[in-house]
Amino acid sequence: MNGNRSYAFPGLTAAIGQMAGLCAGAEAKWLLGGSCGLWLQGVRLDTRPRDIDVYADEGDARLVHERMSEYATDIPRQDRTGSYASLLSHYRLDGVTVELVGGFEVKTDSAYYRTEIAGILDENAPLVRLGEAELRLMPLAHEFVFNVLRARPDRYLAIAEVIRGEADRHLPLLRELLRRNQWTAGIVGKMAEVLDRPLLSGPWGEYGGGQA
């Protein structure tokens, strides 16, 4: 992926590069997500990225925190806010806020979804070079699912546009996420409609709305 994107937001680029340097060599898998990850994958954004969102499995999030503890503004804590649950911590790098999200889960009336970085999302994560730093980005299949679940059409419609343009690249992972998690028929049907793809023709975990 072209590092020329770094010229658009030099402050963010510097902070992302600093984090990548701090975590270099750590036995932890982490992915850059949120608006920064979307920007670097060519998704149209209505507002410029401001913060950095980083995702890891819970154990790896603790390892990342060890590398970044000098810049921490709080300590990792279990957080449950609305539909979301995670191990959450924050940092300041080059004047930019970094949010580290470990073991992220979403539970709504229509789905129970958990991020699995190692072995699933990381295996499908695009590699980007940003200045001197190399790092992996949260796949668009996750970003699409997450933004549908949090009812953000400004995000999921723009993501869907990119996915439709490279369906063979993105849809296999999306189908795997459907299979590994729990959904109502309604939410899967909505995703299929937005993507103009028959996702319901494949297997997906059925969600009854009870305790997952």
N, C-alpha and C. Protein backbone atom coordinates (compact mmCIF):
# COMPACT_ATOMS: atom_id res chain seq x y z
N MET A 1 0.85 -1.19 0.00
CA MET A 1 0.00 0.00 0.00
C MET A 1 0.89 1.24 0.00
N ASN A 2 0.46 2.26 -0.64
CA ASN A 2 1.32 3.41 -0.93
C ASN A 2 1.53 4.28 0.29
N GLY A 3 2.78 4.49 0.68
CA GLY A 3 3.09 5.34 1.80
C GLY A 3 2.84 6.80 1.55
N ASN A 4 2.52 7.21 0.29
CA ASN A 4 2.26 8.61 0.00
C ASN A 4 1.07 9.16 0.76
N ARG A 5 0.18 8.29 1.26
CA ARG A 5 -0.95 8.76 2.05
C ARG A 5 -0.48 9.49 3.31
N SER A 6 0.75 9.22 3.74
CA SER A 6 1.24 9.82 4.97
C SER A 6 1.30 11.34 4.89
N TYR A 7 1.38 11.89 3.67
CA TYR A 7 1.48 13.34 3.54
C TYR A 7 0.17 14.04 3.90
N ALA A 8 -0.95 13.31 3.89
CA ALA A 8 -2.23 13.94 4.16
C ALA A 8 -2.36 14.36 5.62
N PHE A 9 -1.89 13.53 6.54
CA PHE A 9 -2.04 13.79 7.97
C PHE A 9 -0.70 13.52 8.66
N PRO A 10 0.24 14.45 8.57
CA PRO A 10 1.59 14.18 9.09
C PRO A 10 1.62 13.92 10.59
N GLY A 11 0.75 14.58 11.38
CA GLY A 11 0.74 14.34 12.82
C GLY A 11 0.34 12.92 13.15
N LEU A 12 -0.73 12.45 12.51
CA LEU A 12 -1.16 11.07 12.72
C LEU A 12 -0.10 10.09 12.24
N THR A 13 0.49 10.38 11.10
CA THR A 13 1.51 9.49 10.56
C THR A 13 2.67 9.34 11.53
N ALA A 14 3.10 10.45 12.13
CA ALA A 14 4.20 10.40 13.09
C ALA A 14 3.84 9.56 14.31
N ALA A 15 2.62 9.74 14.82
CA ALA A 15 2.19 9.00 16.00
C ALA A 15 2.06 7.51 15.70
N ILE A 16 1.50 7.18 14.54
CA ILE A 16 1.38 5.77 14.16
C ILE A 16 2.76 5.14 14.00
N GLY A 17 3.67 5.87 13.38
CA GLY A 17 5.02 5.38 13.23
C GLY A 17 5.72 5.18 14.57
N GLN A 18 5.48 6.10 15.51
CA GLN A 18 6.07 5.96 16.83
C GLN A 18 5.55 4.71 17.52
N MET A 19 4.26 4.46 17.42
CA MET A 19 3.70 3.26 18.04
C MET A 19 4.28 2.00 17.41
N ALA A 20 4.35 1.98 16.08
CA ALA A 20 4.91 0.82 15.40
C ALA A 20 6.34 0.56 15.85
N GLY A 21 7.11 1.63 16.07
CA GLY A 21 8.47 1.47 16.55
C GLY A 21 8.53 0.93 17.96
N LEU A 22 7.65 1.42 18.83
CA LEU A 22 7.62 0.95 20.21
C LEU A 22 7.27 -0.53 20.29
N CYS A 23 6.41 -0.98 19.39
CA CYS A 23 5.92 -2.36 19.44
C CYS A 23 6.72 -3.30 18.55
N ALA A 24 7.71 -2.79 17.85
CA ALA A 24 8.51 -3.63 16.96
C ALA A 24 9.18 -4.74 17.76
N GLY A 25 9.05 -5.96 17.28
CA GLY A 25 9.67 -7.10 17.95
C GLY A 25 8.87 -7.69 19.08
N ALA A 26 7.79 -7.04 19.47
CA ALA A 26 6.94 -7.59 20.53
C ALA A 26 6.19 -8.81 20.02
N GLU A 27 6.04 -9.82 20.87
CA GLU A 27 5.29 -11.02 20.48
C GLU A 27 3.80 -10.77 20.69
N ALA A 28 3.30 -9.80 19.97
CA ALA A 28 1.89 -9.42 20.08
C ALA A 28 1.40 -9.02 18.70
N LYS A 29 0.19 -9.44 18.39
CA LYS A 29 -0.44 -9.05 17.14
C LYS A 29 -1.44 -7.94 17.43
N TRP A 30 -1.31 -6.85 16.70
CA TRP A 30 -2.23 -5.72 16.86
C TRP A 30 -2.52 -5.14 15.48
N LEU A 31 -3.69 -4.54 15.36
CA LEU A 31 -4.13 -3.99 14.08
C LEU A 31 -4.59 -2.56 14.27
N LEU A 32 -4.25 -1.72 13.31
CA LEU A 32 -4.74 -0.34 13.30
C LEU A 32 -6.13 -0.33 12.68
N GLY A 33 -7.11 0.18 13.42
CA GLY A 33 -8.48 0.21 12.92
C GLY A 33 -9.05 1.61 12.95
N GLY A 34 -10.37 1.70 13.07
CA GLY A 34 -11.04 2.99 13.14
C GLY A 34 -10.84 3.83 11.90
N SER A 35 -10.97 5.14 12.06
CA SER A 35 -10.90 6.04 10.91
C SER A 35 -9.52 6.03 10.26
N CYS A 36 -8.45 5.83 11.05
CA CYS A 36 -7.11 5.77 10.44
C CYS A 36 -6.99 4.56 9.53
N GLY A 37 -7.47 3.41 9.99
CA GLY A 37 -7.42 2.22 9.16
C GLY A 37 -8.25 2.36 7.90
N LEU A 38 -9.40 3.02 8.02
CA LEU A 38 -10.24 3.24 6.84
C LEU A 38 -9.56 4.18 5.85
N TRP A 39 -9.00 5.26 6.37
CA TRP A 39 -8.28 6.22 5.52
C TRP A 39 -7.18 5.52 4.72
N LEU A 40 -6.42 4.67 5.39
CA LEU A 40 -5.30 4.01 4.72
C LEU A 40 -5.75 2.93 3.74
N GLN A 41 -7.03 2.57 3.77
CA GLN A 41 -7.56 1.60 2.81
C GLN A 41 -8.46 2.25 1.76
N GLY A 42 -8.41 3.58 1.71
CA GLY A 42 -9.10 4.28 0.64
C GLY A 42 -10.59 4.44 0.82
N VAL A 43 -11.08 4.30 2.06
CA VAL A 43 -12.51 4.49 2.32
C VAL A 43 -12.79 5.99 2.47
N ARG A 44 -13.84 6.44 1.83
CA ARG A 44 -14.22 7.85 1.91
C ARG A 44 -14.68 8.18 3.33
N LEU A 45 -14.14 9.26 3.91
CA LEU A 45 -14.50 9.71 5.25
C LEU A 45 -15.08 11.11 5.18
N ASP A 46 -16.12 11.35 5.99
CA ASP A 46 -16.73 12.68 6.03
C ASP A 46 -15.91 13.65 6.87
N THR A 47 -15.16 13.13 7.84
CA THR A 47 -14.32 13.97 8.70
C THR A 47 -12.92 13.36 8.76
N ARG A 48 -11.93 14.17 9.00
CA ARG A 48 -10.56 13.70 9.03
C ARG A 48 -10.32 12.86 10.29
N PRO A 49 -9.46 11.85 10.21
CA PRO A 49 -9.12 11.08 11.41
C PRO A 49 -8.46 11.97 12.45
N ARG A 50 -8.79 11.72 13.72
CA ARG A 50 -8.21 12.52 14.80
C ARG A 50 -7.43 11.65 15.79
N ASP A 51 -8.00 10.50 16.13
CA ASP A 51 -7.39 9.60 17.11
C ASP A 51 -6.95 8.31 16.43
N ILE A 52 -6.22 7.50 17.17
CA ILE A 52 -5.72 6.23 16.67
C ILE A 52 -6.38 5.11 17.47
N ASP A 53 -7.03 4.18 16.77
CA ASP A 53 -7.68 3.04 17.40
C ASP A 53 -6.89 1.78 17.06
N VAL A 54 -6.49 1.05 18.10
CA VAL A 54 -5.68 -0.15 17.92
C VAL A 54 -6.40 -1.32 18.59
N TYR A 55 -6.45 -2.45 17.89
CA TYR A 55 -7.14 -3.63 18.39
C TYR A 55 -6.16 -4.79 18.56
N ALA A 56 -6.37 -5.56 19.63
CA ALA A 56 -5.57 -6.76 19.88
C ALA A 56 -6.42 -7.73 20.68
N ASP A 57 -6.04 -9.00 20.68
CA ASP A 57 -6.64 -9.92 21.63
C ASP A 57 -6.22 -9.49 23.03
N GLU A 58 -6.97 -9.91 24.04
CA GLU A 58 -6.74 -9.35 25.37
C GLU A 58 -5.32 -9.58 25.88
N GLY A 59 -4.80 -10.79 25.72
CA GLY A 59 -3.44 -11.06 26.18
C GLY A 59 -2.41 -10.23 25.45
N ASP A 60 -2.58 -10.08 24.15
CA ASP A 60 -1.65 -9.27 23.37
C ASP A 60 -1.77 -7.79 23.70
N ALA A 61 -2.97 -7.34 24.07
CA ALA A 61 -3.14 -5.94 24.47
C ALA A 61 -2.30 -5.63 25.69
N ARG A 62 -2.19 -6.58 26.60
CA ARG A 62 -1.34 -6.36 27.79
C ARG A 62 0.13 -6.25 27.39
N LEU A 63 0.55 -7.03 26.40
CA LEU A 63 1.93 -6.93 25.92
C LEU A 63 2.19 -5.60 25.23
N VAL A 64 1.22 -5.14 24.43
CA VAL A 64 1.36 -3.84 23.78
C VAL A 64 1.44 -2.74 24.84
N HIS A 65 0.62 -2.85 25.88
CA HIS A 65 0.65 -1.85 26.95
C HIS A 65 2.04 -1.78 27.59
N GLU A 66 2.68 -2.92 27.79
CA GLU A 66 4.02 -2.91 28.38
C GLU A 66 4.98 -2.08 27.53
N ARG A 67 4.87 -2.20 26.22
CA ARG A 67 5.75 -1.45 25.32
C ARG A 67 5.43 0.05 25.32
N MET A 68 4.18 0.40 25.61
CA MET A 68 3.73 1.79 25.49
C MET A 68 3.46 2.45 26.84
N SER A 69 3.80 1.77 27.92
CA SER A 69 3.39 2.24 29.25
C SER A 69 3.94 3.63 29.58
N GLU A 70 5.09 3.98 29.02
CA GLU A 70 5.67 5.31 29.28
C GLU A 70 4.74 6.42 28.81
N TYR A 71 3.89 6.12 27.84
CA TYR A 71 3.01 7.13 27.25
C TYR A 71 1.55 6.95 27.67
N ALA A 72 1.31 6.07 28.63
CA ALA A 72 -0.06 5.76 29.05
C ALA A 72 -0.67 6.92 29.84
N THR A 73 -1.95 7.16 29.63
CA THR A 73 -2.70 8.14 30.42
C THR A 73 -3.63 7.45 31.40
N ASP A 74 -3.72 6.13 31.33
CA ASP A 74 -4.45 5.33 32.32
C ASP A 74 -3.89 3.91 32.25
N ILE A 75 -4.46 3.01 33.03
CA ILE A 75 -4.02 1.62 33.00
C ILE A 75 -5.11 0.77 32.36
N PRO A 76 -4.74 -0.37 31.78
CA PRO A 76 -5.77 -1.22 31.17
C PRO A 76 -6.82 -1.63 32.19
N ARG A 77 -8.08 -1.50 31.80
CA ARG A 77 -9.19 -1.88 32.69
C ARG A 77 -10.30 -2.49 31.87
N GLN A 78 -11.01 -3.40 32.50
CA GLN A 78 -12.17 -3.99 31.84
C GLN A 78 -13.27 -2.93 31.75
N ASP A 79 -13.73 -2.70 30.54
CA ASP A 79 -14.73 -1.66 30.31
C ASP A 79 -15.95 -2.27 29.63
N ARG A 80 -17.11 -1.93 30.14
CA ARG A 80 -18.37 -2.34 29.50
C ARG A 80 -19.23 -1.09 29.36
N THR A 81 -19.36 -0.61 28.15
CA THR A 81 -20.11 0.60 27.85
C THR A 81 -21.16 0.29 26.80
N GLY A 82 -22.42 0.35 27.19
CA GLY A 82 -23.48 0.05 26.23
C GLY A 82 -23.35 -1.36 25.69
N SER A 83 -23.22 -1.47 24.39
CA SER A 83 -23.14 -2.79 23.73
C SER A 83 -21.72 -3.33 23.67
N TYR A 84 -20.72 -2.57 24.15
CA TYR A 84 -19.32 -2.93 23.94
C TYR A 84 -18.66 -3.40 25.23
N ALA A 85 -17.77 -4.37 25.10
CA ALA A 85 -16.95 -4.82 26.23
C ALA A 85 -15.53 -5.03 25.73
N SER A 86 -14.54 -4.60 26.53
CA SER A 86 -13.14 -4.76 26.12
C SER A 86 -12.23 -4.46 27.30
N LEU A 87 -10.94 -4.77 27.11
CA LEU A 87 -9.89 -4.29 27.99
C LEU A 87 -9.38 -3.00 27.35
N LEU A 88 -9.56 -1.88 28.04
CA LEU A 88 -9.38 -0.57 27.41
C LEU A 88 -8.26 0.21 28.09
N SER A 89 -7.42 0.87 27.29
CA SER A 89 -6.39 1.77 27.83
C SER A 89 -6.09 2.85 26.80
N HIS A 90 -5.44 3.94 27.27
CA HIS A 90 -5.22 5.11 26.41
C HIS A 90 -3.79 5.63 26.56
N TYR A 91 -3.32 6.30 25.52
CA TYR A 91 -1.94 6.78 25.44
C TYR A 91 -1.92 8.10 24.67
N ARG A 92 -0.82 8.87 24.85
CA ARG A 92 -0.61 10.08 24.05
C ARG A 92 0.73 9.95 23.36
N LEU A 93 0.69 9.96 22.03
CA LEU A 93 1.90 9.87 21.22
C LEU A 93 1.94 11.06 20.28
N ASP A 94 2.97 11.87 20.42
CA ASP A 94 3.14 13.01 19.52
C ASP A 94 1.89 13.88 19.49
N GLY A 95 1.24 14.03 20.66
CA GLY A 95 0.05 14.86 20.77
C GLY A 95 -1.23 14.22 20.31
N VAL A 96 -1.19 12.93 19.95
CA VAL A 96 -2.36 12.22 19.43
C VAL A 96 -2.80 11.17 20.44
N THR A 97 -4.11 11.04 20.67
CA THR A 97 -4.64 10.03 21.57
C THR A 97 -4.70 8.68 20.88
N VAL A 98 -4.19 7.66 21.56
CA VAL A 98 -4.27 6.28 21.09
C VAL A 98 -5.17 5.50 22.03
N GLU A 99 -6.15 4.80 21.48
CA GLU A 99 -7.01 3.93 22.28
C GLU A 99 -6.68 2.49 21.92
N LEU A 100 -6.27 1.71 22.93
CA LEU A 100 -5.94 0.30 22.75
C LEU A 100 -7.10 -0.53 23.27
N VAL A 101 -7.67 -1.35 22.40
CA VAL A 101 -8.88 -2.11 22.70
C VAL A 101 -8.52 -3.60 22.65
N GLY A 102 -8.60 -4.27 23.79
CA GLY A 102 -8.27 -5.68 23.86
C GLY A 102 -9.50 -6.56 24.01
N GLY A 103 -9.55 -7.64 23.25
CA GLY A 103 -10.65 -8.59 23.38
C GLY A 103 -12.01 -7.97 23.14
N PHE A 104 -12.15 -7.20 22.09
CA PHE A 104 -13.35 -6.41 21.84
C PHE A 104 -14.55 -7.30 21.52
N GLU A 105 -15.68 -7.02 22.17
CA GLU A 105 -16.94 -7.73 21.93
C GLU A 105 -18.07 -6.74 21.77
N VAL A 106 -19.02 -7.09 20.90
CA VAL A 106 -20.22 -6.29 20.70
C VAL A 106 -21.43 -7.21 20.89
N LYS A 107 -22.36 -6.78 21.74
CA LYS A 107 -23.59 -7.54 21.92
C LYS A 107 -24.77 -6.60 21.80
N THR A 108 -25.61 -6.84 20.79
CA THR A 108 -26.79 -6.03 20.55
C THR A 108 -28.01 -6.94 20.50
N ASP A 109 -29.16 -6.36 20.19
CA ASP A 109 -30.37 -7.17 20.03
C ASP A 109 -30.30 -8.08 18.81
N SER A 110 -29.37 -7.80 17.91
CA SER A 110 -29.33 -8.54 16.65
C SER A 110 -28.05 -9.35 16.44
N ALA A 111 -27.09 -9.27 17.37
CA ALA A 111 -25.84 -9.99 17.13
C ALA A 111 -24.99 -10.08 18.40
N TYR A 112 -24.16 -11.10 18.42
CA TYR A 112 -23.05 -11.17 19.37
C TYR A 112 -21.79 -11.39 18.54
N TYR A 113 -20.88 -10.41 18.58
CA TYR A 113 -19.70 -10.42 17.72
C TYR A 113 -18.47 -10.15 18.56
N ARG A 114 -17.44 -10.97 18.37
CA ARG A 114 -16.18 -10.75 19.09
C ARG A 114 -15.04 -10.75 18.08
N THR A 115 -14.10 -9.86 18.30
CA THR A 115 -12.94 -9.79 17.42
C THR A 115 -11.95 -10.89 17.79
N GLU A 116 -11.43 -11.55 16.80
CA GLU A 116 -10.38 -12.55 16.96
C GLU A 116 -9.22 -12.11 16.08
N ILE A 117 -8.23 -11.49 16.69
CA ILE A 117 -7.13 -10.94 15.91
C ILE A 117 -6.21 -12.07 15.42
N ALA A 118 -5.60 -12.79 16.36
CA ALA A 118 -4.65 -13.84 16.00
C ALA A 118 -5.36 -14.97 15.26
N GLY A 119 -4.86 -15.30 14.09
CA GLY A 119 -5.36 -16.43 13.34
C GLY A 119 -6.56 -16.15 12.46
N ILE A 120 -7.26 -15.05 12.66
CA ILE A 120 -8.43 -14.73 11.85
C ILE A 120 -8.24 -13.36 11.18
N LEU A 121 -8.40 -12.30 11.94
CA LEU A 121 -8.30 -10.96 11.35
C LEU A 121 -6.87 -10.64 10.93
N ASP A 122 -5.89 -11.02 11.75
CA ASP A 122 -4.49 -10.74 11.40
C ASP A 122 -4.08 -11.44 10.11
N GLU A 123 -4.61 -12.64 9.89
CA GLU A 123 -4.25 -13.39 8.69
C GLU A 123 -4.79 -12.72 7.42
N ASN A 124 -5.76 -11.85 7.58
CA ASN A 124 -6.38 -11.17 6.44
C ASN A 124 -6.12 -9.67 6.44
N ALA A 125 -5.19 -9.23 7.28
CA ALA A 125 -4.96 -7.80 7.46
C ALA A 125 -3.98 -7.26 6.43
N PRO A 126 -4.34 -6.22 5.69
CA PRO A 126 -3.41 -5.65 4.72
C PRO A 126 -2.22 -4.99 5.41
N LEU A 127 -1.07 -5.15 4.80
CA LEU A 127 0.17 -4.56 5.30
C LEU A 127 0.37 -3.21 4.63
N VAL A 128 0.68 -2.19 5.43
CA VAL A 128 0.90 -0.86 4.89
C VAL A 128 2.24 -0.33 5.38
N ARG A 129 2.91 0.39 4.51
CA ARG A 129 4.14 1.08 4.90
C ARG A 129 3.82 2.55 5.00
N LEU A 130 4.07 3.12 6.16
CA LEU A 130 3.74 4.51 6.44
C LEU A 130 5.02 5.19 6.90
N GLY A 131 5.65 5.93 6.01
CA GLY A 131 6.96 6.47 6.33
C GLY A 131 7.95 5.32 6.46
N GLU A 132 8.60 5.22 7.61
CA GLU A 132 9.55 4.14 7.86
C GLU A 132 8.90 2.95 8.56
N ALA A 133 7.62 3.06 8.89
CA ALA A 133 6.95 2.03 9.68
C ALA A 133 6.14 1.09 8.80
N GLU A 134 6.11 -0.18 9.18
CA GLU A 134 5.22 -1.16 8.57
C GLU A 134 4.25 -1.66 9.63
N LEU A 135 3.00 -1.76 9.27
CA LEU A 135 1.98 -2.23 10.22
C LEU A 135 0.82 -2.81 9.45
N ARG A 136 -0.05 -3.52 10.18
CA ARG A 136 -1.21 -4.15 9.55
C ARG A 136 -2.49 -3.43 9.96
N LEU A 137 -3.45 -3.43 9.04
CA LEU A 137 -4.70 -2.71 9.22
C LEU A 137 -5.85 -3.67 9.46
N MET A 138 -6.82 -3.23 10.26
CA MET A 138 -8.02 -4.02 10.48
C MET A 138 -8.74 -4.24 9.15
N PRO A 139 -9.04 -5.48 8.79
CA PRO A 139 -9.71 -5.73 7.50
C PRO A 139 -11.06 -5.03 7.40
N LEU A 140 -11.42 -4.68 6.18
CA LEU A 140 -12.68 -3.97 5.96
C LEU A 140 -13.89 -4.84 6.28
N ALA A 141 -13.76 -6.16 6.23
CA ALA A 141 -14.89 -7.02 6.61
C ALA A 141 -15.30 -6.75 8.06
N HIS A 142 -14.32 -6.63 8.95
CA HIS A 142 -14.63 -6.28 10.35
C HIS A 142 -15.23 -4.89 10.43
N GLU A 143 -14.62 -3.93 9.77
CA GLU A 143 -15.10 -2.55 9.87
C GLU A 143 -16.53 -2.43 9.36
N PHE A 144 -16.86 -3.19 8.33
CA PHE A 144 -18.23 -3.18 7.81
C PHE A 144 -19.20 -3.73 8.86
N VAL A 145 -18.89 -4.90 9.39
CA VAL A 145 -19.75 -5.52 10.41
C VAL A 145 -19.93 -4.59 11.61
N PHE A 146 -18.83 -4.07 12.12
CA PHE A 146 -18.88 -3.23 13.31
C PHE A 146 -19.74 -2.00 13.08
N ASN A 147 -19.59 -1.36 11.94
CA ASN A 147 -20.35 -0.14 11.69
C ASN A 147 -21.82 -0.41 11.38
N VAL A 148 -22.14 -1.58 10.83
CA VAL A 148 -23.54 -1.96 10.72
C VAL A 148 -24.14 -2.15 12.11
N LEU A 149 -23.41 -2.84 12.99
CA LEU A 149 -23.92 -3.11 14.34
C LEU A 149 -24.10 -1.83 15.15
N ARG A 150 -23.29 -0.82 14.90
CA ARG A 150 -23.45 0.42 15.66
C ARG A 150 -24.24 1.48 14.88
N ALA A 151 -24.89 1.03 13.82
CA ALA A 151 -25.82 1.88 13.06
C ALA A 151 -25.15 3.16 12.58
N ARG A 152 -24.02 3.00 11.87
CA ARG A 152 -23.29 4.14 11.31
C ARG A 152 -23.29 4.05 9.78
N PRO A 153 -24.43 4.42 9.14
CA PRO A 153 -24.47 4.32 7.67
C PRO A 153 -23.43 5.20 6.99
N ASP A 154 -23.03 6.31 7.62
CA ASP A 154 -22.00 7.14 7.02
C ASP A 154 -20.70 6.35 6.84
N ARG A 155 -20.46 5.39 7.71
CA ARG A 155 -19.27 4.55 7.60
C ARG A 155 -19.54 3.29 6.77
N TYR A 156 -20.61 2.53 7.11
CA TYR A 156 -20.74 1.23 6.45
C TYR A 156 -21.08 1.35 4.97
N LEU A 157 -21.74 2.41 4.56
CA LEU A 157 -22.01 2.57 3.13
C LEU A 157 -20.72 2.85 2.35
N ALA A 158 -19.85 3.66 2.93
CA ALA A 158 -18.57 3.95 2.28
C ALA A 158 -17.68 2.71 2.25
N ILE A 159 -17.69 1.94 3.34
CA ILE A 159 -16.91 0.70 3.38
C ILE A 159 -17.45 -0.29 2.35
N ALA A 160 -18.78 -0.40 2.28
CA ALA A 160 -19.39 -1.34 1.34
C ALA A 160 -19.01 -1.01 -0.10
N GLU A 161 -18.88 0.27 -0.40
CA GLU A 161 -18.48 0.68 -1.75
C GLU A 161 -17.12 0.10 -2.13
N VAL A 162 -16.18 0.14 -1.17
CA VAL A 162 -14.85 -0.41 -1.43
C VAL A 162 -14.91 -1.94 -1.51
N ILE A 163 -15.67 -2.56 -0.61
CA ILE A 163 -15.78 -4.03 -0.61
C ILE A 163 -16.37 -4.52 -1.93
N ARG A 164 -17.41 -3.86 -2.41
CA ARG A 164 -18.02 -4.29 -3.68
C ARG A 164 -17.03 -4.21 -4.84
N GLY A 165 -16.11 -3.24 -4.76
CA GLY A 165 -15.13 -3.10 -5.82
C GLY A 165 -14.08 -4.19 -5.83
N GLU A 166 -13.87 -4.86 -4.69
CA GLU A 166 -12.91 -5.96 -4.58
C GLU A 166 -13.55 -7.10 -3.80
N ALA A 167 -14.68 -7.58 -4.29
CA ALA A 167 -15.47 -8.56 -3.55
C ALA A 167 -14.70 -9.85 -3.28
N ASP A 168 -13.95 -10.32 -4.24
CA ASP A 168 -13.22 -11.58 -4.06
C ASP A 168 -12.18 -11.48 -2.94
N ARG A 169 -11.72 -10.29 -2.69
CA ARG A 169 -10.73 -10.08 -1.63
C ARG A 169 -11.38 -10.01 -0.25
N HIS A 170 -12.54 -9.38 -0.14
CA HIS A 170 -13.13 -9.09 1.16
C HIS A 170 -14.21 -10.07 1.62
N LEU A 171 -14.98 -10.62 0.69
CA LEU A 171 -16.14 -11.43 1.09
C LEU A 171 -15.79 -12.75 1.76
N PRO A 172 -14.70 -13.44 1.40
CA PRO A 172 -14.40 -14.68 2.13
C PRO A 172 -14.24 -14.46 3.63
N LEU A 173 -13.57 -13.39 4.04
CA LEU A 173 -13.43 -13.11 5.47
C LEU A 173 -14.77 -12.73 6.07
N LEU A 174 -15.56 -11.95 5.37
CA LEU A 174 -16.87 -11.59 5.90
C LEU A 174 -17.72 -12.83 6.16
N ARG A 175 -17.69 -13.77 5.24
CA ARG A 175 -18.45 -15.01 5.44
C ARG A 175 -17.90 -15.79 6.64
N GLU A 176 -16.58 -15.76 6.83
CA GLU A 176 -15.99 -16.43 7.99
C GLU A 176 -16.44 -15.77 9.30
N LEU A 177 -16.51 -14.45 9.32
CA LEU A 177 -16.99 -13.75 10.51
C LEU A 177 -18.45 -14.09 10.79
N LEU A 178 -19.25 -14.21 9.75
CA LEU A 178 -20.64 -14.61 9.93
C LEU A 178 -20.72 -16.02 10.52
N ARG A 179 -19.85 -16.90 10.07
CA ARG A 179 -19.87 -18.28 10.55
C ARG A 179 -19.41 -18.39 12.00
N ARG A 180 -18.44 -17.57 12.40
CA ARG A 180 -17.83 -17.70 13.72
C ARG A 180 -18.58 -16.96 14.81
N ASN A 181 -19.55 -16.13 14.45
CA ASN A 181 -20.26 -15.32 15.43
C ASN A 181 -21.76 -15.59 15.33
N GLN A 182 -22.55 -14.81 16.06
CA GLN A 182 -23.99 -15.08 16.16
C GLN A 182 -24.78 -13.87 15.69
N TRP A 183 -25.79 -14.13 14.84
CA TRP A 183 -26.53 -13.06 14.18
C TRP A 183 -28.00 -13.43 14.06
N THR A 184 -28.85 -12.44 14.01
CA THR A 184 -30.23 -12.67 13.60
C THR A 184 -30.29 -12.64 12.07
N ALA A 185 -31.34 -13.26 11.54
CA ALA A 185 -31.52 -13.24 10.09
C ALA A 185 -31.67 -11.81 9.58
N GLY A 186 -32.29 -10.96 10.40
CA GLY A 186 -32.51 -9.59 9.98
C GLY A 186 -31.23 -8.82 9.74
N ILE A 187 -30.25 -8.98 10.64
CA ILE A 187 -29.01 -8.20 10.48
C ILE A 187 -28.17 -8.76 9.34
N VAL A 188 -28.19 -10.08 9.15
CA VAL A 188 -27.47 -10.66 8.01
C VAL A 188 -28.12 -10.21 6.71
N GLY A 189 -29.46 -10.18 6.70
CA GLY A 189 -30.16 -9.70 5.51
C GLY A 189 -29.83 -8.26 5.19
N LYS A 190 -29.68 -7.44 6.24
CA LYS A 190 -29.33 -6.04 6.01
C LYS A 190 -27.94 -5.92 5.39
N MET A 191 -26.98 -6.69 5.92
CA MET A 191 -25.64 -6.65 5.35
C MET A 191 -25.64 -7.11 3.90
N ALA A 192 -26.41 -8.17 3.63
CA ALA A 192 -26.49 -8.68 2.25
C ALA A 192 -27.08 -7.63 1.32
N GLU A 193 -28.09 -6.91 1.80
CA GLU A 193 -28.72 -5.88 0.97
C GLU A 193 -27.76 -4.74 0.67
N VAL A 194 -27.04 -4.29 1.70
CA VAL A 194 -26.10 -3.18 1.50
C VAL A 194 -25.00 -3.57 0.51
N LEU A 195 -24.53 -4.81 0.63
CA LEU A 195 -23.45 -5.27 -0.24
C LEU A 195 -23.94 -5.81 -1.58
N ASP A 196 -25.26 -5.98 -1.69
CA ASP A 196 -25.85 -6.58 -2.90
C ASP A 196 -25.25 -7.96 -3.14
N ARG A 197 -25.16 -8.75 -2.04
CA ARG A 197 -24.58 -10.09 -2.10
C ARG A 197 -25.45 -11.05 -1.30
N PRO A 198 -25.65 -12.29 -1.77
CA PRO A 198 -26.50 -13.25 -1.05
C PRO A 198 -25.78 -13.92 0.12
N LEU A 199 -25.46 -13.15 1.16
CA LEU A 199 -24.73 -13.70 2.30
C LEU A 199 -25.51 -14.80 3.00
N LEU A 200 -26.85 -14.74 2.94
CA LEU A 200 -27.66 -15.73 3.63
C LEU A 200 -27.54 -17.11 3.01
N SER A 201 -26.95 -17.21 1.82
CA SER A 201 -26.81 -18.52 1.19
C SER A 201 -25.73 -19.36 1.85
N GLY A 202 -24.87 -18.74 2.66
CA GLY A 202 -23.82 -19.47 3.36
C GLY A 202 -24.17 -19.69 4.82
N PRO A 203 -23.36 -20.48 5.54
CA PRO A 203 -23.64 -20.73 6.96
C PRO A 203 -23.32 -19.51 7.81
N TRP A 204 -24.12 -19.29 8.82
CA TRP A 204 -23.84 -18.22 9.78
C TRP A 204 -24.43 -18.61 11.12
N GLY A 205 -23.79 -18.14 12.20
CA GLY A 205 -24.23 -18.50 13.53
C GLY A 205 -25.52 -17.77 13.89
N GLU A 206 -26.53 -18.52 14.34
CA GLU A 206 -27.82 -17.92 14.65
C GLU A 206 -27.83 -17.38 16.08
N TYR A 207 -28.34 -16.18 16.23
CA TYR A 207 -28.38 -15.49 17.53
C TYR A 207 -29.82 -15.35 17.97
N GLY A 208 -30.09 -15.85 19.16
CA GLY A 208 -31.45 -15.76 19.68
C GLY A 208 -31.68 -14.60 20.61
N GLY A 209 -30.64 -13.81 20.87
CA GLY A 209 -30.78 -12.65 21.74
C GLY A 209 -30.56 -12.94 23.20
N GLY A 210 -30.23 -14.19 23.54
CA GLY A 210 -29.98 -14.53 24.93
C GLY A 210 -28.52 -14.37 25.29
N GLN A 211 -28.10 -15.01 26.37
CA GLN A 211 -26.72 -14.91 26.81
C GLN A 211 -25.83 -15.66 25.83
N ALA A 212 -24.85 -14.97 25.27
CA ALA A 212 -23.96 -15.60 24.29
C ALA A 212 -22.85 -16.35 25.01
